[in-house]
Protein backbone atom coordinates (compact mmCIF):
# COMPACT_ATOMS: atom_id res chain seq x y z
CA UNK A 1 54.01 51.99 98.75
CA UNK A 2 56.41 51.17 100.94
CA UNK A 3 59.96 53.24 102.60
CA UNK A 4 62.87 53.07 104.56
CA UNK A 5 63.72 55.54 106.90
CA UNK A 6 67.91 56.44 107.43
CA UNK A 7 68.62 58.97 109.98
CA UNK A 8 72.71 59.73 109.13
CA UNK A 9 73.93 60.09 112.64
CA UNK A 10 77.71 61.18 112.57
CA UNK A 11 78.96 62.42 116.03
CA UNK A 12 81.52 65.30 114.83
CA UNK A 13 79.86 68.77 114.04
CA UNK A 14 82.08 71.55 113.59
CA UNK A 15 79.18 74.53 114.50
CA UNK A 16 77.75 72.47 117.22
CA UNK A 17 80.20 69.80 118.87
CA UNK A 18 78.21 66.13 119.54
CA UNK A 19 75.21 67.67 118.21
CA UNK A 20 73.07 64.29 117.52
CA UNK A 21 73.73 63.89 121.72
CA UNK A 22 72.92 66.83 122.92
CA UNK A 23 69.99 67.08 125.63
CA UNK A 24 66.98 68.32 124.01
CA UNK A 25 64.50 68.57 127.18
CA UNK A 26 65.92 65.41 128.80
CA UNK A 27 66.22 63.30 125.32
CA UNK A 28 69.05 63.47 122.99
CA UNK A 29 68.46 64.95 120.22
CA UNK A 30 69.31 62.13 118.23
CA UNK A 31 66.01 60.09 120.30
CA UNK A 32 63.78 62.90 119.52
CA UNK A 33 64.38 62.68 115.41
CA UNK A 34 64.16 58.79 116.24
CA UNK A 35 60.96 59.36 118.27
CA UNK A 36 58.99 61.28 115.08
CA UNK A 37 60.25 59.29 112.73
CA UNK A 38 58.78 56.44 114.26
CA UNK A 39 55.34 57.86 113.99
CA UNK A 40 55.61 58.06 110.33
CA UNK A 41 54.36 55.20 107.85
CA UNK A 42 57.95 54.01 107.36
CA UNK A 43 58.43 50.38 107.69
CA UNK A 44 61.92 50.24 109.18
CA UNK A 45 63.91 53.11 110.64
CA UNK A 46 67.54 52.76 110.96
CA UNK A 47 70.43 55.17 112.81
CA UNK A 48 73.57 54.91 110.67
CA UNK A 49 76.66 56.36 112.14
CA UNK A 50 80.22 56.27 112.36
CA UNK A 51 80.74 56.56 116.37
CA UNK A 52 80.33 53.46 119.04
CA UNK A 53 79.27 56.20 121.70
CA UNK A 54 76.10 57.45 119.64
CA UNK A 55 75.30 53.16 118.90
CA UNK A 56 75.43 52.88 122.22
CA UNK A 57 72.62 55.67 122.94
CA UNK A 58 70.66 54.46 120.05
CA UNK A 59 70.49 51.01 121.31
CA UNK A 60 69.37 52.33 124.64
CA UNK A 61 66.49 54.11 123.84
CA UNK A 62 65.63 51.30 121.34
CA UNK A 63 66.79 52.33 118.10
CA UNK A 64 68.05 50.12 115.29
CA UNK A 65 71.45 51.36 114.99
CA UNK A 66 74.55 50.08 111.93
CA UNK A 67 77.92 51.36 112.17
CA UNK A 68 79.33 52.74 108.92
CA UNK A 69 82.87 54.37 107.53
CA UNK A 70 83.86 56.94 108.99
CA UNK A 71 85.07 58.80 105.93
CA UNK A 72 81.99 59.77 104.15
CA UNK A 73 81.51 62.67 102.99
CA UNK A 74 78.24 63.31 103.45
CA UNK A 75 74.73 61.13 104.73
CA UNK A 76 73.90 60.50 101.00
CA UNK A 77 77.31 58.37 101.18
CA UNK A 78 76.49 57.15 104.79
CA UNK A 79 72.67 55.92 103.73
CA UNK A 80 74.14 54.26 100.40
CA UNK A 81 76.07 52.16 102.77
CA UNK A 82 73.13 51.11 104.51
CA UNK A 83 71.66 50.17 101.35
CA UNK A 84 74.31 47.66 100.48
CA UNK A 85 74.36 46.36 103.78
CA UNK A 86 70.49 45.86 103.85
CA UNK A 87 71.04 44.17 99.99
CA UNK A 88 68.15 46.71 98.88
CA UNK A 89 66.70 46.33 95.41
CA UNK A 90 67.51 49.37 93.29
CA UNK A 91 63.75 50.82 92.85
CA UNK A 92 63.26 50.36 96.53
CA UNK A 93 62.89 54.36 98.29
CA UNK A 94 64.71 55.55 101.19
CA UNK A 95 64.01 58.49 103.29
CA UNK A 96 66.77 60.51 104.29
CA UNK A 97 65.82 62.15 107.75
CA UNK A 98 68.75 64.46 109.19
CA UNK A 99 69.67 63.79 112.78
CA UNK A 100 69.52 67.57 113.52
CA UNK A 101 65.73 67.60 113.29
CA UNK A 102 63.75 66.91 116.75
CA UNK A 103 60.89 69.07 115.45
CA UNK A 104 60.01 67.15 111.76
CA UNK A 105 56.62 66.42 111.27
CA UNK A 106 56.00 63.23 110.44
CA UNK A 107 53.24 63.62 108.18
CA UNK A 108 56.44 65.17 105.78
CA UNK A 109 58.25 61.89 105.86
CA UNK A 110 55.68 60.15 104.61
CA UNK A 111 54.80 63.32 102.16
CA UNK A 112 58.28 62.90 100.78
CA UNK A 113 58.30 59.67 100.37
CA UNK A 114 54.90 59.83 98.16
CA UNK A 115 55.84 62.91 95.70
CA UNK A 116 58.90 60.49 94.81
CA UNK A 117 56.59 57.54 94.22
CA UNK A 118 54.14 59.60 92.38
CA UNK A 119 56.64 61.01 89.92
CA UNK A 120 59.08 58.45 87.95
CA UNK A 121 60.76 60.86 86.10
CA UNK A 122 62.57 62.15 89.46
CA UNK A 123 65.28 60.37 90.99
CA UNK A 124 65.17 62.14 93.99
CA UNK A 125 62.28 63.99 95.89
CA UNK A 126 62.26 66.86 98.60
CA UNK A 127 60.16 69.71 99.75
CA UNK A 128 59.99 73.40 100.36
CA UNK A 129 58.23 75.75 102.06
CA UNK A 130 57.50 79.61 101.65
CA UNK A 131 59.62 82.12 102.70
CA UNK A 132 57.71 84.64 104.74
CA UNK A 133 60.83 86.61 107.00
CA UNK A 134 63.26 88.87 105.10
CA UNK A 135 65.99 87.80 107.40
CA UNK A 136 65.56 83.90 106.15
CA UNK A 137 65.93 85.26 102.78
CA UNK A 138 68.93 86.87 103.45
CA UNK A 139 70.42 84.20 105.55
CA UNK A 140 73.00 81.76 103.89
CA UNK A 141 72.28 79.13 106.31
CA UNK A 142 68.58 79.01 104.86
CA UNK A 143 68.84 77.11 101.52
CA UNK A 144 66.30 78.54 98.85
CA UNK A 145 65.51 76.42 95.79
CA UNK A 146 63.58 77.49 92.52
CA UNK A 147 61.29 75.47 90.40
CA UNK A 148 60.22 75.20 87.04
CA UNK A 149 56.55 75.09 86.28
CA UNK A 150 56.34 71.05 86.80
CA UNK A 151 57.52 71.53 90.37
CA UNK A 152 61.47 70.35 89.09
CA UNK A 153 64.24 72.04 90.73
CA UNK A 154 65.85 74.52 88.85
CA UNK A 155 68.38 75.58 91.26
CA UNK A 156 69.42 75.76 95.16
CA UNK A 157 71.47 77.93 96.57
CA UNK A 158 72.42 79.85 99.53
CA UNK A 159 72.08 83.27 98.34
CA UNK A 160 68.76 84.88 97.75
CA UNK A 161 66.99 83.73 94.67
CA UNK A 162 64.93 84.77 93.25
CA UNK A 163 66.58 88.07 93.01
CA UNK A 164 64.34 91.16 92.15
CA UNK A 165 66.06 92.56 88.87
CA UNK A 166 65.23 96.11 89.96
CA UNK A 167 66.90 96.17 93.35
CA UNK A 168 70.75 96.02 91.77
CA UNK A 169 72.42 94.81 94.88
CA UNK A 170 70.60 96.73 97.35
CA UNK A 171 69.00 94.79 100.04
CA UNK A 172 67.54 97.97 102.15
CA UNK A 173 64.87 97.77 99.21
CA UNK A 174 63.25 94.59 99.92
CA UNK A 175 59.87 94.77 101.48
CA UNK A 176 57.91 91.73 102.37
CA UNK A 177 55.73 91.76 99.63
CA UNK A 178 59.13 90.91 97.54
CA UNK A 179 58.89 87.50 98.93
CA UNK A 180 55.69 85.92 97.55
CA UNK A 181 58.73 83.45 95.27
CA UNK A 182 60.98 82.92 97.42
CA UNK A 183 61.06 79.53 98.75
CA UNK A 184 62.89 77.41 101.49
CA UNK A 185 64.30 73.97 101.02
CA UNK A 186 63.60 71.30 103.49
CA UNK A 187 66.64 69.46 103.99
CA UNK A 188 64.01 65.84 103.86
CA UNK A 189 65.11 63.64 100.91
CA UNK A 190 63.67 60.75 99.31
CA UNK A 191 65.97 58.54 96.83
CA UNK A 192 65.47 55.33 94.97
CA UNK A 193 68.46 52.92 95.53
CA UNK A 194 69.70 52.93 91.97
CA UNK A 195 69.77 56.56 91.91
CA UNK A 196 71.71 56.89 95.44
CA UNK A 197 74.17 54.33 94.16
CA UNK A 198 75.26 56.12 90.94
CA UNK A 199 75.47 59.40 92.86
CA UNK A 200 77.79 58.54 95.15
CA UNK A 201 80.36 57.18 92.18
CA UNK A 202 80.15 60.61 91.02
CA UNK A 203 82.38 63.64 91.22
CA UNK A 204 81.21 66.75 93.12
CA UNK A 205 80.44 69.30 90.48
CA UNK A 206 81.91 72.82 90.99
CA UNK A 207 78.59 74.42 91.80
CA UNK A 208 78.12 71.76 95.02
CA UNK A 209 81.84 72.67 96.39
CA UNK A 210 80.72 76.27 95.93
CA UNK A 211 77.40 76.09 97.72
CA UNK A 212 78.54 73.26 99.96
CA UNK A 213 74.73 71.70 98.47
CA UNK A 214 75.25 67.96 97.69
CA UNK A 215 71.83 68.23 96.02
CA UNK A 216 73.71 70.09 93.35
CA UNK A 217 75.84 66.87 92.31
CA UNK A 218 72.27 65.28 91.17
CA UNK A 219 71.33 68.20 89.14
CA UNK A 220 74.66 68.21 87.30
CA UNK A 221 74.43 64.88 86.52
CA UNK A 222 71.29 65.21 84.96
CA UNK A 223 69.27 64.09 88.00
CA UNK A 224 65.80 65.36 88.44
CA UNK A 225 64.70 66.55 91.87
CA UNK A 226 60.78 67.20 92.17
CA UNK A 227 59.92 69.67 94.89
CA UNK A 228 56.85 69.57 96.09
CA UNK A 229 55.04 72.42 99.07
CA UNK A 230 55.46 70.76 102.29
CA UNK A 231 51.64 69.83 103.68
CA UNK A 232 52.41 71.60 107.01
CA UNK A 233 54.64 73.92 108.89
CA UNK A 234 58.32 72.77 108.88
CA UNK A 235 60.42 74.17 111.94
CA UNK A 236 64.48 75.00 111.83
CA UNK A 237 66.38 72.16 112.35
CA UNK A 238 69.74 72.84 115.29
CA UNK A 239 72.84 73.96 113.72
CA UNK A 240 73.95 76.17 116.13
CA UNK A 241 73.92 76.84 120.27
CA UNK A 242 71.46 79.47 119.49
CA UNK A 243 69.04 76.80 117.65
CA UNK A 244 69.56 74.53 120.72
CA UNK A 245 68.75 76.78 122.85
CA UNK A 246 65.46 77.56 121.03
CA UNK A 247 64.17 74.01 120.60
CA UNK A 248 64.50 73.61 124.95
CA UNK A 249 62.76 76.79 125.28
CA UNK A 250 59.94 75.04 122.84
CA UNK A 251 59.84 71.95 124.59
CA UNK A 252 59.89 74.07 128.39
CA UNK A 253 56.95 76.20 127.39
CA UNK A 254 55.35 72.88 126.12
CA UNK A 255 55.65 71.19 129.09
CA UNK A 256 54.52 74.31 131.06
CA UNK A 257 50.94 74.23 129.36
CA UNK A 258 50.40 70.93 130.92
CA UNK A 259 51.39 71.69 134.63
C-alpha cells in the first residue's frame, strides 16, 4: 500500500503568527514536521504553501515544496490543489500531516494510511487517543470524538462528549473515572483523492461553521470517517506561544540527556 504525505504550511496564523517558521530548538517547526514525516513509509512528502518565505525555507532544508493559491479556507482545500497538480488517481491515498506537529510519531502516519486502506467503506480515516485529564476533556481546543461500534465517527466536537447525564451542567462533579469514554481526536487525516475532490466542492455545513471543524463537512455529506485508536502516544501540537515554549523545553531536556 502506497501513500503520499502533504504538509499544508500556511504562513499566516491568528493565535501564533508565522507559526510554521517558528524556531523549535534550532530548526523551524516546518522542518521538524518534515523530518518526522520522512521517517514514515510515504513514497513522497510534499509541503504545500502559499508564501514564498515558507517556500524558501523548505527548499533550504531539502523539502519538496509546491506553491498553492492564497485563498484556500482549509488544509484540505490546499491538499486538493496539490492532488490536481500531481494528476493523482481517484483511489490514491493522501495523508494530511499538520504543519504544527513537530513531535508527530512516524508510526501513526503509517497507521492512518493503513486504516483507510483496510476500511473500503470509509472515505476518510483518522485517529484518536484516550483522554486522561479532566482539563483536556473540558478544553475547547481539545477536539473530542465519539464513534459507533464499528469505529466510524458519530460526531466531533469541542464540547466535552460524551457527557454523563447525571451531572446536569455541573462540571465540578466530574472525576477521573468519568473519562473512560472520552477520546481526543488526533488531527491527522488520510483521504482518498476522489473523496477530497468532492469535499472541496461542497458547501460548509452549519455544524462545521459552528464548531470550526472541517471534518464535519464530510459527515454532513454522508462520508464515513473511520477512527482508530492511535498505536502510540501522540503529543499535542503547537497552537499558542505557551505550546511553543513547552516544545522547546522538551527539546532542551532531550539535549541535556546526551550532554
